[in-house]
Each structure stands twice: as C-alpha cells, then as structure tokens.
C-alpha cells in the first residue's frame, strides 16, 4: 500500500472516507510535518526522501514542479492528482484502487491523474 503525504488543499472529506475504507492507511498531513505554506518543490523533496506519494488538488503549481523533477532527474515519489470537481464517491473509489494496488516502485516519477 502506498504511503501518502496529503497536501494542505485536499478536501478532508476525502481523507475521512479513505481512512474508513483503508484503516491501515499510512499518511501524514502537510501541516503535521510543519510544512504548511512551503513551496511545492520542498514538499516534493521531502516526500521523495520519505517515500510518500503526494495526494493533491493543486494542478497549477504542484504538477509543473513534479514535471520539473521528472525532467531534471530529481527524485520524485509520485503524485496523485484529484480534481476538486471530482465527486467525493468517485474520488474515494479511484484513490482506494490506486493506493491499494499500485506499488511504490510504479509511482516513482509518475503523476497519476484521477478519475481513472
């Protein structure tokens, strides 16, 4: 199961739903690690060092920064992008499948766009 870093912009209803579906979910919140408001590149670097895939709604800055890491060969643990407009149930279904089924090695240097 993927280990996650939940971006500060993620709808907490999604997180609550994931925790109820996947009780063994291994996650940390950006604010729990003292990185609220930090640049996305810093979050990406921290996540890579900790082998945590970032779950985010941020397409404007997180995705370009992740693409930059991939292009330049900087380690990147992976991104799961969930558009804000995605229905909660659909987001939960797709996240559950992605988190439970994709191995950490397949998420490295990858941006997974939901819905599937």
PDB file of N, CA and C in Angstrom:
ATOM      1  N   UNK A   1       0.856  -1.177   0.000  1.00  0.00           N
ATOM      2  CA  UNK A   1       0.000   0.000   0.000  1.00  0.00           C
ATOM      3  C   UNK A   1       0.900   1.236   0.000  1.00  0.00           C
ATOM      4  N   UNK A   2       0.511   2.222  -0.791  1.00  0.00           N
ATOM      5  CA  UNK A   2       1.286   3.457  -0.875  1.00  0.00           C
ATOM      6  C   UNK A   2       1.251   4.238   0.436  1.00  0.00           C
ATOM      7  N   UNK A   3       2.362   4.850   0.756  1.00  0.00           N
ATOM      8  CA  UNK A   3       2.450   5.775   1.889  1.00  0.00           C
ATOM      9  C   UNK A   3       2.204   7.166   1.330  1.00  0.00           C
ATOM     10  N   UNK A   4       1.393   7.968   2.014  1.00  0.00           N
ATOM     11  CA  UNK A   4       0.919   9.231   1.456  1.00  0.00           C
ATOM     12  C   UNK A   4       1.351  10.450   2.248  1.00  0.00           C
ATOM     13  N   UNK A   5       1.496  11.545   1.514  1.00  0.00           N
ATOM     14  CA  UNK A   5       1.567  12.888   2.079  1.00  0.00           C
ATOM     15  C   UNK A   5       0.348  13.616   1.527  1.00  0.00           C
ATOM     16  N   UNK A   6      -0.541  14.050   2.401  1.00  0.00           N
ATOM     17  CA  UNK A   6      -1.773  14.711   1.985  1.00  0.00           C
ATOM     18  C   UNK A   6      -1.530  16.215   1.944  1.00  0.00           C
ATOM     19  N   UNK A   7      -1.634  16.786   0.753  1.00  0.00           N
ATOM     20  CA  UNK A   7      -1.417  18.219   0.562  1.00  0.00           C
ATOM     21  C   UNK A   7      -2.454  19.007   1.358  1.00  0.00           C
ATOM     22  N   UNK A   8      -2.081  20.222   1.728  1.00  0.00           N
ATOM     23  CA  UNK A   8      -2.968  21.028   2.573  1.00  0.00           C
ATOM     24  C   UNK A   8      -4.250  21.447   1.876  1.00  0.00           C
ATOM     25  N   UNK A   9      -4.324  21.312   0.547  1.00  0.00           N
ATOM     26  CA  UNK A   9      -5.525  21.717  -0.176  1.00  0.00           C
ATOM     27  C   UNK A   9      -6.529  20.581  -0.366  1.00  0.00           C
ATOM     28  N   UNK A  10      -6.211  19.391   0.087  1.00  0.00           N
ATOM     29  CA  UNK A  10      -7.083  18.231  -0.148  1.00  0.00           C
ATOM     30  C   UNK A  10      -8.307  18.299   0.760  1.00  0.00           C
ATOM     31  N   UNK A  11      -9.464  18.042   0.160  1.00  0.00           N
ATOM     32  CA  UNK A  11     -10.734  18.005   0.860  1.00  0.00           C
ATOM     33  C   UNK A  11     -10.674  16.925   1.952  1.00  0.00           C
ATOM     34  N   UNK A  12     -10.865  17.305   3.194  1.00  0.00           N
ATOM     35  CA  UNK A  12     -10.746  16.346   4.294  1.00  0.00           C
ATOM     36  C   UNK A  12     -11.875  15.322   4.319  1.00  0.00           C
ATOM     37  N   UNK A  13     -12.943  15.561   3.588  1.00  0.00           N
ATOM     38  CA  UNK A  13     -13.973  14.522   3.455  1.00  0.00           C
ATOM     39  C   UNK A  13     -13.390  13.323   2.707  1.00  0.00           C
ATOM     40  N   UNK A  14     -12.501  13.594   1.762  1.00  0.00           N
ATOM     41  CA  UNK A  14     -11.841  12.506   1.034  1.00  0.00           C
ATOM     42  C   UNK A  14     -10.960  11.718   1.993  1.00  0.00           C
ATOM     43  N   UNK A  15     -10.198  12.401   2.810  1.00  0.00           N
ATOM     44  CA  UNK A  15      -9.323  11.723   3.764  1.00  0.00           C
ATOM     45  C   UNK A  15     -10.125  10.881   4.757  1.00  0.00           C
ATOM     46  N   UNK A  16     -11.200  11.428   5.281  1.00  0.00           N
ATOM     47  CA  UNK A  16     -12.043  10.659   6.216  1.00  0.00           C
ATOM     48  C   UNK A  16     -12.588   9.403   5.539  1.00  0.00           C
ATOM     49  N   UNK A  17     -13.023   9.537   4.298  1.00  0.00           N
ATOM     50  CA  UNK A  17     -13.526   8.375   3.563  1.00  0.00           C
ATOM     51  C   UNK A  17     -12.455   7.328   3.327  1.00  0.00           C
ATOM     52  N   UNK A  18     -11.250   7.772   2.988  1.00  0.00           N
ATOM     53  CA  UNK A  18     -10.152   6.832   2.773  1.00  0.00           C
ATOM     54  C   UNK A  18      -9.810   6.087   4.063  1.00  0.00           C
ATOM     55  N   UNK A  19      -9.783   6.811   5.178  1.00  0.00           N
ATOM     56  CA  UNK A  19      -9.458   6.175   6.455  1.00  0.00           C
ATOM     57  C   UNK A  19     -10.503   5.131   6.827  1.00  0.00           C
ATOM     58  N   UNK A  20     -11.768   5.374   6.487  1.00  0.00           N
ATOM     59  CA  UNK A  20     -12.793   4.386   6.815  1.00  0.00           C
ATOM     60  C   UNK A  20     -12.701   3.166   5.899  1.00  0.00           C
ATOM     61  N   UNK A  21     -12.290   3.363   4.656  1.00  0.00           N
ATOM     62  CA  UNK A  21     -12.157   2.244   3.717  1.00  0.00           C
ATOM     63  C   UNK A  21     -10.845   1.481   3.890  1.00  0.00           C
ATOM     64  N   UNK A  22      -9.792   2.214   4.247  1.00  0.00           N
ATOM     65  CA  UNK A  22      -8.460   1.620   4.386  1.00  0.00           C
ATOM     66  C   UNK A  22      -7.924   1.951   5.784  1.00  0.00           C
ATOM     67  N   UNK A  23      -8.368   1.223   6.808  1.00  0.00           N
ATOM     68  CA  UNK A  23      -7.969   1.549   8.179  1.00  0.00           C
ATOM     69  C   UNK A  23      -6.451   1.541   8.395  1.00  0.00           C
ATOM     70  N   UNK A  24      -5.728   0.790   7.595  1.00  0.00           N
ATOM     71  CA  UNK A  24      -4.275   0.707   7.729  1.00  0.00           C
ATOM     72  C   UNK A  24      -3.554   1.789   6.919  1.00  0.00           C
ATOM     73  N   UNK A  25      -4.286   2.765   6.403  1.00  0.00           N
ATOM     74  CA  UNK A  25      -3.726   3.838   5.587  1.00  0.00           C
ATOM     75  C   UNK A  25      -2.582   4.535   6.323  1.00  0.00           C
ATOM     76  N   UNK A  26      -1.442   4.643   5.653  1.00  0.00           N
ATOM     77  CA  UNK A  26      -0.260   5.305   6.207  1.00  0.00           C
ATOM     78  C   UNK A  26      -0.168   6.675   5.543  1.00  0.00           C
ATOM     79  N   UNK A  27      -0.485   7.715   6.290  1.00  0.00           N
ATOM     80  CA  UNK A  27      -0.486   9.065   5.725  1.00  0.00           C
ATOM     81  C   UNK A  27      -0.024  10.074   6.761  1.00  0.00           C
ATOM     82  N   UNK A  28       0.457  11.195   6.256  1.00  0.00           N
ATOM     83  CA  UNK A  28       0.722  12.363   7.087  1.00  0.00           C
ATOM     84  C   UNK A  28       0.172  13.569   6.337  1.00  0.00           C
ATOM     85  N   UNK A  29      -0.208  14.571   7.109  1.00  0.00           N
ATOM     86  CA  UNK A  29      -0.701  15.819   6.538  1.00  0.00           C
ATOM     87  C   UNK A  29       0.447  16.818   6.468  1.00  0.00           C
ATOM     88  N   UNK A  30       0.430  17.672   5.466  1.00  0.00           N
ATOM     89  CA  UNK A  30       1.469  18.686   5.311  1.00  0.00           C
ATOM     90  C   UNK A  30       1.621  19.497   6.595  1.00  0.00           C
ATOM     91  N   UNK A  31       0.514  19.871   7.214  1.00  0.00           N
ATOM     92  CA  UNK A  31       0.621  20.686   8.436  1.00  0.00           C
ATOM     93  C   UNK A  31       1.183  19.891   9.614  1.00  0.00           C
ATOM     94  N   UNK A  32       1.041  18.570   9.617  1.00  0.00           N
ATOM     95  CA  UNK A  32       1.598  17.740  10.698  1.00  0.00           C
ATOM     96  C   UNK A  32       3.122  17.706  10.669  1.00  0.00           C
ATOM     97  N   UNK A  33       3.695  17.894   9.493  1.00  0.00           N
ATOM     98  CA  UNK A  33       5.153  17.838   9.375  1.00  0.00           C
ATOM     99  C   UNK A  33       5.760  19.237   9.366  1.00  0.00           C
ATOM    100  N   UNK A  34       4.932  20.241   9.673  1.00  0.00           N
ATOM    101  CA  UNK A  34       5.425  21.609   9.774  1.00  0.00           C
ATOM    102  C   UNK A  34       5.782  22.254   8.461  1.00  0.00           C
ATOM    103  N   UNK A  35       5.122  21.830   7.371  1.00  0.00           N
ATOM    104  CA  UNK A  35       5.463  22.370   6.054  1.00  0.00           C
ATOM    105  C   UNK A  35       4.315  23.136   5.399  1.00  0.00           C
ATOM    106  N   UNK A  36       3.357  23.570   6.171  1.00  0.00           N
ATOM    107  CA  UNK A  36       2.263  24.369   5.612  1.00  0.00           C
ATOM    108  C   UNK A  36       2.839  25.623   4.971  1.00  0.00           C
ATOM    109  N   UNK A  37       2.368  25.924   3.778  1.00  0.00           N
ATOM    110  CA  UNK A  37       2.792  27.128   3.076  1.00  0.00           C
ATOM    111  C   UNK A  37       4.152  27.023   2.409  1.00  0.00           C
ATOM    112  N   UNK A  38       4.810  25.878   2.517  1.00  0.00           N
ATOM    113  CA  UNK A  38       6.126  25.706   1.902  1.00  0.00           C
ATOM    114  C   UNK A  38       5.974  25.550   0.385  1.00  0.00           C
ATOM    115  N   UNK A  39       6.999  25.928  -0.372  1.00  0.00           N
ATOM    116  CA  UNK A  39       6.950  25.740  -1.826  1.00  0.00           C
ATOM    117  C   UNK A  39       6.783  24.257  -2.175  1.00  0.00           C
ATOM    118  N   UNK A  40       6.083  24.024  -3.272  1.00  0.00           N
ATOM    119  CA  UNK A  40       5.807  22.649  -3.685  1.00  0.00           C
ATOM    120  C   UNK A  40       7.080  21.841  -3.910  1.00  0.00           C
ATOM    121  N   UNK A  41       8.135  22.460  -4.420  1.00  0.00           N
ATOM    122  CA  UNK A  41       9.387  21.718  -4.624  1.00  0.00           C
ATOM    123  C   UNK A  41       9.929  21.180  -3.300  1.00  0.00           C
ATOM    124  N   UNK A  42       9.758  21.930  -2.230  1.00  0.00           N
ATOM    125  CA  UNK A  42      10.198  21.448  -0.918  1.00  0.00           C
ATOM    126  C   UNK A  42       9.357  20.253  -0.470  1.00  0.00           C
ATOM    127  N   UNK A  43       8.048  20.321  -0.722  1.00  0.00           N
ATOM    128  CA  UNK A  43       7.183  19.178  -0.386  1.00  0.00           C
ATOM    129  C   UNK A  43       7.562  17.954  -1.206  1.00  0.00           C
ATOM    130  N   UNK A  44       7.827  18.164  -2.484  1.00  0.00           N
ATOM    131  CA  UNK A  44       8.217  17.056  -3.356  1.00  0.00           C
ATOM    132  C   UNK A  44       9.522  16.427  -2.880  1.00  0.00           C
ATOM    133  N   UNK A  45      10.476  17.245  -2.474  1.00  0.00           N
ATOM    134  CA  UNK A  45      11.759  16.717  -1.983  1.00  0.00           C
ATOM    135  C   UNK A  45      11.566  15.940  -0.676  1.00  0.00           C
ATOM    136  N   UNK A  46      10.770  16.499   0.233  1.00  0.00           N
ATOM    137  CA  UNK A  46      10.510  15.811   1.494  1.00  0.00           C
ATOM    138  C   UNK A  46       9.826  14.473   1.222  1.00  0.00           C
ATOM    139  N   UNK A  47       8.814  14.491   0.363  1.00  0.00           N
ATOM    140  CA  UNK A  47       8.075  13.265   0.042  1.00  0.00           C
ATOM    141  C   UNK A  47       8.990  12.215  -0.591  1.00  0.00           C
ATOM    142  N   UNK A  48       9.910  12.641  -1.441  1.00  0.00           N
ATOM    143  CA  UNK A  48      10.845  11.705  -2.067  1.00  0.00           C
ATOM    144  C   UNK A  48      11.758  11.071  -1.019  1.00  0.00           C
ATOM    145  N   UNK A  49      12.255  11.875  -0.074  1.00  0.00           N
ATOM    146  CA  UNK A  49      13.132  11.339   0.980  1.00  0.00           C
ATOM    147  C   UNK A  49      12.387  10.354   1.880  1.00  0.00           C
ATOM    148  N   UNK A  50      11.090  10.603   2.081  1.00  0.00           N
ATOM    149  CA  UNK A  50      10.282   9.766   2.971  1.00  0.00           C
ATOM    150  C   UNK A  50       9.489   8.681   2.232  1.00  0.00           C
ATOM    151  N   UNK A  51       9.657   8.607   0.910  1.00  0.00           N
ATOM    152  CA  UNK A  51       8.911   7.640   0.084  1.00  0.00           C
ATOM    153  C   UNK A  51       7.409   7.760   0.290  1.00  0.00           C
ATOM    154  N   UNK A  52       6.915   8.991   0.168  1.00  0.00           N
ATOM    155  CA  UNK A  52       5.484   9.253   0.311  1.00  0.00           C
ATOM    156  C   UNK A  52       4.959   9.894  -0.960  1.00  0.00           C
ATOM    157  N   UNK A  53       3.895   9.326  -1.478  1.00  0.00           N
ATOM    158  CA  UNK A  53       3.222   9.855  -2.659  1.00  0.00           C
ATOM    159  C   UNK A  53       2.325  11.001  -2.206  1.00  0.00           C
ATOM    160  N   UNK A  54       2.379  12.102  -2.947  1.00  0.00           N
ATOM    161  CA  UNK A  54       1.577  13.275  -2.592  1.00  0.00           C
ATOM    162  C   UNK A  54       0.198  13.179  -3.244  1.00  0.00           C
ATOM    163  N   UNK A  55      -0.836  13.367  -2.442  1.00  0.00           N
ATOM    164  CA  UNK A  55      -2.210  13.481  -2.948  1.00  0.00           C
ATOM    165  C   UNK A  55      -2.538  14.966  -2.923  1.00  0.00           C
ATOM    166  N   UNK A  56      -2.986  15.489  -4.061  1.00  0.00           N
ATOM    167  CA  UNK A  56      -3.208  16.931  -4.166  1.00  0.00           C
ATOM    168  C   UNK A  56      -4.362  17.269  -5.097  1.00  0.00           C
ATOM    169  N   UNK A  57      -4.905  18.473  -4.905  1.00  0.00           N
ATOM    170  CA  UNK A  57      -5.860  19.073  -5.835  1.00  0.00           C
ATOM    171  C   UNK A  57      -5.159  20.156  -6.667  1.00  0.00           C
ATOM    172  N   UNK A  58      -3.881  20.410  -6.395  1.00  0.00           N
ATOM    173  CA  UNK A  58      -3.148  21.536  -6.959  1.00  0.00           C
ATOM    174  C   UNK A  58      -2.526  21.221  -8.315  1.00  0.00           C
ATOM    175  N   UNK A  59      -3.228  21.599  -9.360  1.00  0.00           N
ATOM    176  CA  UNK A  59      -2.709  21.385 -10.706  1.00  0.00           C
ATOM    177  C   UNK A  59      -1.817  22.552 -11.150  1.00  0.00           C
ATOM    178  N   UNK A  60      -2.090  23.732 -10.598  1.00  0.00           N
ATOM    179  CA  UNK A  60      -1.418  24.954 -11.057  1.00  0.00           C
ATOM    180  C   UNK A  60       0.083  24.966 -10.747  1.00  0.00           C
ATOM    181  N   UNK A  61       0.474  24.566  -9.544  1.00  0.00           N
ATOM    182  CA  UNK A  61       1.896  24.626  -9.202  1.00  0.00           C
ATOM    183  C   UNK A  61       2.515  23.262  -8.907  1.00  0.00           C
ATOM    184  N   UNK A  62       1.780  22.371  -8.249  1.00  0.00           N
ATOM    185  CA  UNK A  62       2.357  21.074  -7.881  1.00  0.00           C
ATOM    186  C   UNK A  62       2.709  20.248  -9.115  1.00  0.00           C
ATOM    187  N   UNK A  63       1.817  20.212 -10.089  1.00  0.00           N
ATOM    188  CA  UNK A  63       2.065  19.381 -11.276  1.00  0.00           C
ATOM    189  C   UNK A  63       3.275  19.895 -12.064  1.00  0.00           C
ATOM    190  N   UNK A  64       3.365  21.206 -12.365  1.00  0.00           N
ATOM    191  CA  UNK A  64       4.572  21.674 -13.064  1.00  0.00           C
ATOM    192  C   UNK A  64       5.861  21.408 -12.278  1.00  0.00           C
ATOM    193  N   UNK A  65       5.815  21.549 -10.963  1.00  0.00           N
ATOM    194  CA  UNK A  65       7.008  21.280 -10.161  1.00  0.00           C
ATOM    195  C   UNK A  65       7.367  19.792 -10.188  1.00  0.00           C
ATOM    196  N   UNK A  66       6.375  18.923 -10.165  1.00  0.00           N
ATOM    197  CA  UNK A  66       6.626  17.483 -10.272  1.00  0.00           C
ATOM    198  C   UNK A  66       7.206  17.146 -11.648  1.00  0.00           C
ATOM    199  N   UNK A  67       6.653  17.759 -12.693  1.00  0.00           N
ATOM    200  CA  UNK A  67       7.187  17.543 -14.046  1.00  0.00           C
ATOM    201  C   UNK A  67       8.636  18.019 -14.140  1.00  0.00           C
ATOM    202  N   UNK A  68       8.950  19.122 -13.463  1.00  0.00           N
ATOM    203  CA  UNK A  68      10.321  19.625 -13.425  1.00  0.00           C
ATOM    204  C   UNK A  68      11.244  18.585 -12.779  1.00  0.00           C
ATOM    205  N   UNK A  69      10.823  18.008 -11.684  1.00  0.00           N
ATOM    206  CA  UNK A  69      11.623  16.972 -11.016  1.00  0.00           C
ATOM    207  C   UNK A  69      11.882  15.794 -11.959  1.00  0.00           C
ATOM    208  N   UNK A  70      10.858  15.379 -12.661  1.00  0.00           N
ATOM    209  CA  UNK A  70      10.996  14.247 -13.583  1.00  0.00           C
ATOM    210  C   UNK A  70      11.982  14.594 -14.691  1.00  0.00           C
ATOM    211  N   UNK A  71      11.822  15.778 -15.290  1.00  0.00           N
ATOM    212  CA  UNK A  71      12.709  16.211 -16.395  1.00  0.00           C
ATOM    213  C   UNK A  71      14.168  16.317 -15.970  1.00  0.00           C
ATOM    214  N   UNK A  72      14.395  16.796 -14.765  1.00  0.00           N
ATOM    215  CA  UNK A  72      15.764  17.041 -14.314  1.00  0.00           C
ATOM    216  C   UNK A  72      16.376  15.846 -13.579  1.00  0.00           C
ATOM    217  N   UNK A  73      15.613  14.785 -13.414  1.00  0.00           N
ATOM    218  CA  UNK A  73      16.129  13.587 -12.757  1.00  0.00           C
ATOM    219  C   UNK A  73      16.157  13.674 -11.236  1.00  0.00           C
ATOM    220  N   UNK A  74      15.493  14.690 -10.695  1.00  0.00           N
ATOM    221  CA  UNK A  74      15.414  14.801  -9.235  1.00  0.00           C
ATOM    222  C   UNK A  74      14.421  13.750  -8.737  1.00  0.00           C
ATOM    223  N   UNK A  75      14.735  13.065  -7.651  1.00  0.00           N
ATOM    224  CA  UNK A  75      13.821  12.025  -7.151  1.00  0.00           C
ATOM    225  C   UNK A  75      12.423  12.585  -6.889  1.00  0.00           C
ATOM    226  N   UNK A  76      11.424  11.798  -7.243  1.00  0.00           N
ATOM    227  CA  UNK A  76      10.032  12.193  -7.038  1.00  0.00           C
ATOM    228  C   UNK A  76       9.250  10.928  -6.718  1.00  0.00           C
ATOM    229  N   UNK A  77       8.646  10.872  -5.532  1.00  0.00           N
ATOM    230  CA  UNK A  77       7.952   9.669  -5.069  1.00  0.00           C
ATOM    231  C   UNK A  77       6.653   9.418  -5.818  1.00  0.00           C
ATOM    232  N   UNK A  78       6.070  10.464  -6.402  1.00  0.00           N
ATOM    233  CA  UNK A  78       4.830  10.322  -7.157  1.00  0.00           C
ATOM    234  C   UNK A  78       3.781  11.302  -6.681  1.00  0.00           C
ATOM    235  N   UNK A  79       2.848  11.556  -7.580  1.00  0.00           N
ATOM    236  CA  UNK A  79       1.731  12.469  -7.323  1.00  0.00           C
ATOM    237  C   UNK A  79       0.446  11.766  -7.731  1.00  0.00           C
ATOM    238  N   UNK A  80      -0.567  11.914  -6.912  1.00  0.00           N
ATOM    239  CA  UNK A  80      -1.922  11.529  -7.319  1.00  0.00           C
ATOM    240  C   UNK A  80      -2.720  12.824  -7.333  1.00  0.00           C
ATOM    241  N   UNK A  81      -3.121  13.228  -8.534  1.00  0.00           N
ATOM    242  CA  UNK A  81      -3.876  14.467  -8.704  1.00  0.00           C
ATOM    243  C   UNK A  81      -5.359  14.146  -8.791  1.00  0.00           C
ATOM    244  N   UNK A  82      -6.131  14.778  -7.901  1.00  0.00           N
ATOM    245  CA  UNK A  82      -7.586  14.604  -7.864  1.00  0.00           C
ATOM    246  C   UNK A  82      -8.214  15.979  -8.108  1.00  0.00           C
ATOM    247  N   UNK A  83      -8.869  16.175  -9.260  1.00  0.00           N
ATOM    248  CA  UNK A  83      -9.506  17.480  -9.489  1.00  0.00           C
ATOM    249  C   UNK A  83     -10.545  17.784  -8.411  1.00  0.00           C
ATOM    250  N   UNK A  84     -10.606  19.035  -8.005  1.00  0.00           N
ATOM    251  CA  UNK A  84     -11.567  19.440  -6.965  1.00  0.00           C
ATOM    252  C   UNK A  84     -13.005  19.136  -7.359  1.00  0.00           C
ATOM    253  N   UNK A  85     -13.295  19.178  -8.630  1.00  0.00           N
ATOM    254  CA  UNK A  85     -14.672  18.986  -9.091  1.00  0.00           C
ATOM    255  C   UNK A  85     -15.109  17.513  -9.094  1.00  0.00           C
ATOM    256  N   UNK A  86     -14.176  16.602  -8.830  1.00  0.00           N
ATOM    257  CA  UNK A  86     -14.499  15.181  -8.812  1.00  0.00           C
ATOM    258  C   UNK A  86     -15.421  14.880  -7.626  1.00  0.00           C
ATOM    259  N   UNK A  87     -16.489  14.155  -7.888  1.00  0.00           N
ATOM    260  CA  UNK A  87     -17.408  13.767  -6.818  1.00  0.00           C
ATOM    261  C   UNK A  87     -16.651  12.966  -5.761  1.00  0.00           C
ATOM    262  N   UNK A  88     -17.000  13.174  -4.504  1.00  0.00           N
ATOM    263  CA  UNK A  88     -16.301  12.523  -3.389  1.00  0.00           C
ATOM    264  C   UNK A  88     -16.304  11.000  -3.547  1.00  0.00           C
ATOM    265  N   UNK A  89     -17.442  10.431  -3.873  1.00  0.00           N
ATOM    266  CA  UNK A  89     -17.524   8.972  -4.033  1.00  0.00           C
ATOM    267  C   UNK A  89     -16.604   8.464  -5.125  1.00  0.00           C
ATOM    268  N   UNK A  90     -16.579   9.163  -6.240  1.00  0.00           N
ATOM    269  CA  UNK A  90     -15.700   8.768  -7.354  1.00  0.00           C
ATOM    270  C   UNK A  90     -14.235   8.907  -6.950  1.00  0.00           C
ATOM    271  N   UNK A  91     -13.902  10.015  -6.282  1.00  0.00           N
ATOM    272  CA  UNK A  91     -12.526  10.225  -5.835  1.00  0.00           C
ATOM    273  C   UNK A  91     -12.105   9.108  -4.876  1.00  0.00           C
ATOM    274  N   UNK A  92     -12.989   8.755  -3.946  1.00  0.00           N
ATOM    275  CA  UNK A  92     -12.683   7.687  -2.992  1.00  0.00           C
ATOM    276  C   UNK A  92     -12.454   6.348  -3.681  1.00  0.00           C
ATOM    277  N   UNK A  93     -13.342   6.003  -4.607  1.00  0.00           N
ATOM    278  CA  UNK A  93     -13.199   4.736  -5.328  1.00  0.00           C
ATOM    279  C   UNK A  93     -11.865   4.665  -6.059  1.00  0.00           C
ATOM    280  N   UNK A  94     -11.539   5.716  -6.803  1.00  0.00           N
ATOM    281  CA  UNK A  94     -10.310   5.719  -7.594  1.00  0.00           C
ATOM    282  C   UNK A  94      -9.063   5.787  -6.710  1.00  0.00           C
ATOM    283  N   UNK A  95      -9.119   6.572  -5.650  1.00  0.00           N
ATOM    284  CA  UNK A  95      -7.982   6.631  -4.731  1.00  0.00           C
ATOM    285  C   UNK A  95      -7.758   5.288  -4.047  1.00  0.00           C
ATOM    286  N   UNK A  96      -8.829   4.658  -3.609  1.00  0.00           N
ATOM    287  CA  UNK A  96      -8.697   3.364  -2.939  1.00  0.00           C
ATOM    288  C   UNK A  96      -8.003   2.354  -3.846  1.00  0.00           C
ATOM    289  N   UNK A  97      -8.410   2.289  -5.086  1.00  0.00           N
ATOM    290  CA  UNK A  97      -7.794   1.362  -6.043  1.00  0.00           C
ATOM    291  C   UNK A  97      -6.325   1.709  -6.252  1.00  0.00           C
ATOM    292  N   UNK A  98      -6.054   2.983  -6.476  1.00  0.00           N
ATOM    293  CA  UNK A  98      -4.686   3.421  -6.746  1.00  0.00           C
ATOM    294  C   UNK A  98      -3.770   3.158  -5.562  1.00  0.00           C
ATOM    295  N   UNK A  99      -4.201   3.541  -4.378  1.00  0.00           N
ATOM    296  CA  UNK A  99      -3.383   3.399  -3.171  1.00  0.00           C
ATOM    297  C   UNK A  99      -3.144   1.931  -2.829  1.00  0.00           C
ATOM    298  N   UNK A 100      -4.176   1.121  -2.964  1.00  0.00           N
ATOM    299  CA  UNK A 100      -4.075  -0.281  -2.564  1.00  0.00           C
ATOM    300  C   UNK A 100      -3.366  -1.146  -3.605  1.00  0.00           C
ATOM    301  N   UNK A 101      -3.439  -0.758  -4.876  1.00  0.00           N
ATOM    302  CA  UNK A 101      -2.958  -1.650  -5.935  1.00  0.00           C
ATOM    303  C   UNK A 101      -1.615  -1.280  -6.558  1.00  0.00           C
ATOM    304  N   UNK A 102      -1.284   0.004  -6.583  1.00  0.00           N
ATOM    305  CA  UNK A 102      -0.030   0.391  -7.222  1.00  0.00           C
ATOM    306  C   UNK A 102       1.129   0.272  -6.236  1.00  0.00           C
ATOM    307  N   UNK A 103       2.183  -0.431  -6.635  1.00  0.00           N
ATOM    308  CA  UNK A 103       3.351  -0.492  -5.756  1.00  0.00           C
ATOM    309  C   UNK A 103       4.129   0.829  -5.801  1.00  0.00           C
ATOM    310  N   UNK A 104       4.851   1.076  -4.732  1.00  0.00           N
ATOM    311  CA  UNK A 104       5.653   2.298  -4.611  1.00  0.00           C
ATOM    312  C   UNK A 104       6.587   2.471  -5.815  1.00  0.00           C
ATOM    313  N   UNK A 105       7.153   1.378  -6.303  1.00  0.00           N
ATOM    314  CA  UNK A 105       8.100   1.470  -7.420  1.00  0.00           C
ATOM    315  C   UNK A 105       7.446   1.967  -8.701  1.00  0.00           C
ATOM    316  N   UNK A 106       6.170   1.665  -8.889  1.00  0.00           N
ATOM    317  CA  UNK A 106       5.466   2.139 -10.081  1.00  0.00           C
ATOM    318  C   UNK A 106       5.044   3.597  -9.976  1.00  0.00           C
ATOM    319  N   UNK A 107       4.962   4.127  -8.773  1.00  0.00           N
ATOM    320  CA  UNK A 107       4.561   5.524  -8.601  1.00  0.00           C
ATOM    321  C   UNK A 107       5.738   6.487  -8.715  1.00  0.00           C
ATOM    322  N   UNK A 108       6.950   6.000  -8.554  1.00  0.00           N
ATOM    323  CA  UNK A 108       8.110   6.889  -8.652  1.00  0.00           C
ATOM    324  C   UNK A 108       8.137   7.580 -10.002  1.00  0.00           C
ATOM    325  N   UNK A 109       8.361   8.881  -9.959  1.00  0.00           N
ATOM    326  CA  UNK A 109       8.449   9.711 -11.173  1.00  0.00           C
ATOM    327  C   UNK A 109       7.178   9.634 -12.018  1.00  0.00           C
ATOM    328  N   UNK A 110       6.055   9.477 -11.355  1.00  0.00           N
ATOM    329  CA  UNK A 110       4.772   9.328 -12.060  1.00  0.00           C
ATOM    330  C   UNK A 110       3.752  10.298 -11.483  1.00  0.00           C
ATOM    331  N   UNK A 111       2.939  10.830 -12.372  1.00  0.00           N
ATOM    332  CA  UNK A 111       1.800  11.655 -11.975  1.00  0.00           C
ATOM    333  C   UNK A 111       0.551  10.902 -12.411  1.00  0.00           C
ATOM    334  N   UNK A 112      -0.231  10.506 -11.454  1.00  0.00           N
ATOM    335  CA  UNK A 112      -1.473   9.754 -11.725  1.00  0.00           C
ATOM    336  C   UNK A 112      -2.631  10.731 -11.659  1.00  0.00           C
ATOM    337  N   UNK A 113      -3.352  10.835 -12.749  1.00  0.00           N
ATOM    338  CA  UNK A 113      -4.489  11.755 -12.825  1.00  0.00           C
ATOM    339  C   UNK A 113      -5.773  10.974 -12.593  1.00  0.00           C
ATOM    340  N   UNK A 114      -6.550  11.402 -11.621  1.00  0.00           N
ATOM    341  CA  UNK A 114      -7.862  10.803 -11.380  1.00  0.00           C
ATOM    342  C   UNK A 114      -8.913  11.746 -11.950  1.00  0.00           C
ATOM    343  N   UNK A 115     -10.092  11.298 -12.295  1.00  0.00           N
ATOM    344  CA  UNK A 115     -10.549   9.914 -12.175  1.00  0.00           C
ATOM    345  C   UNK A 115      -9.855   9.001 -13.176  1.00  0.00           C
ATOM    346  N   UNK A 116      -9.815   7.702 -12.805  1.00  0.00           N
ATOM    347  CA  UNK A 116      -9.174   6.704 -13.653  1.00  0.00           C
ATOM    348  C   UNK A 116      -9.913   6.525 -14.958  1.00  0.00           C
TER     349      UNK A 116
END
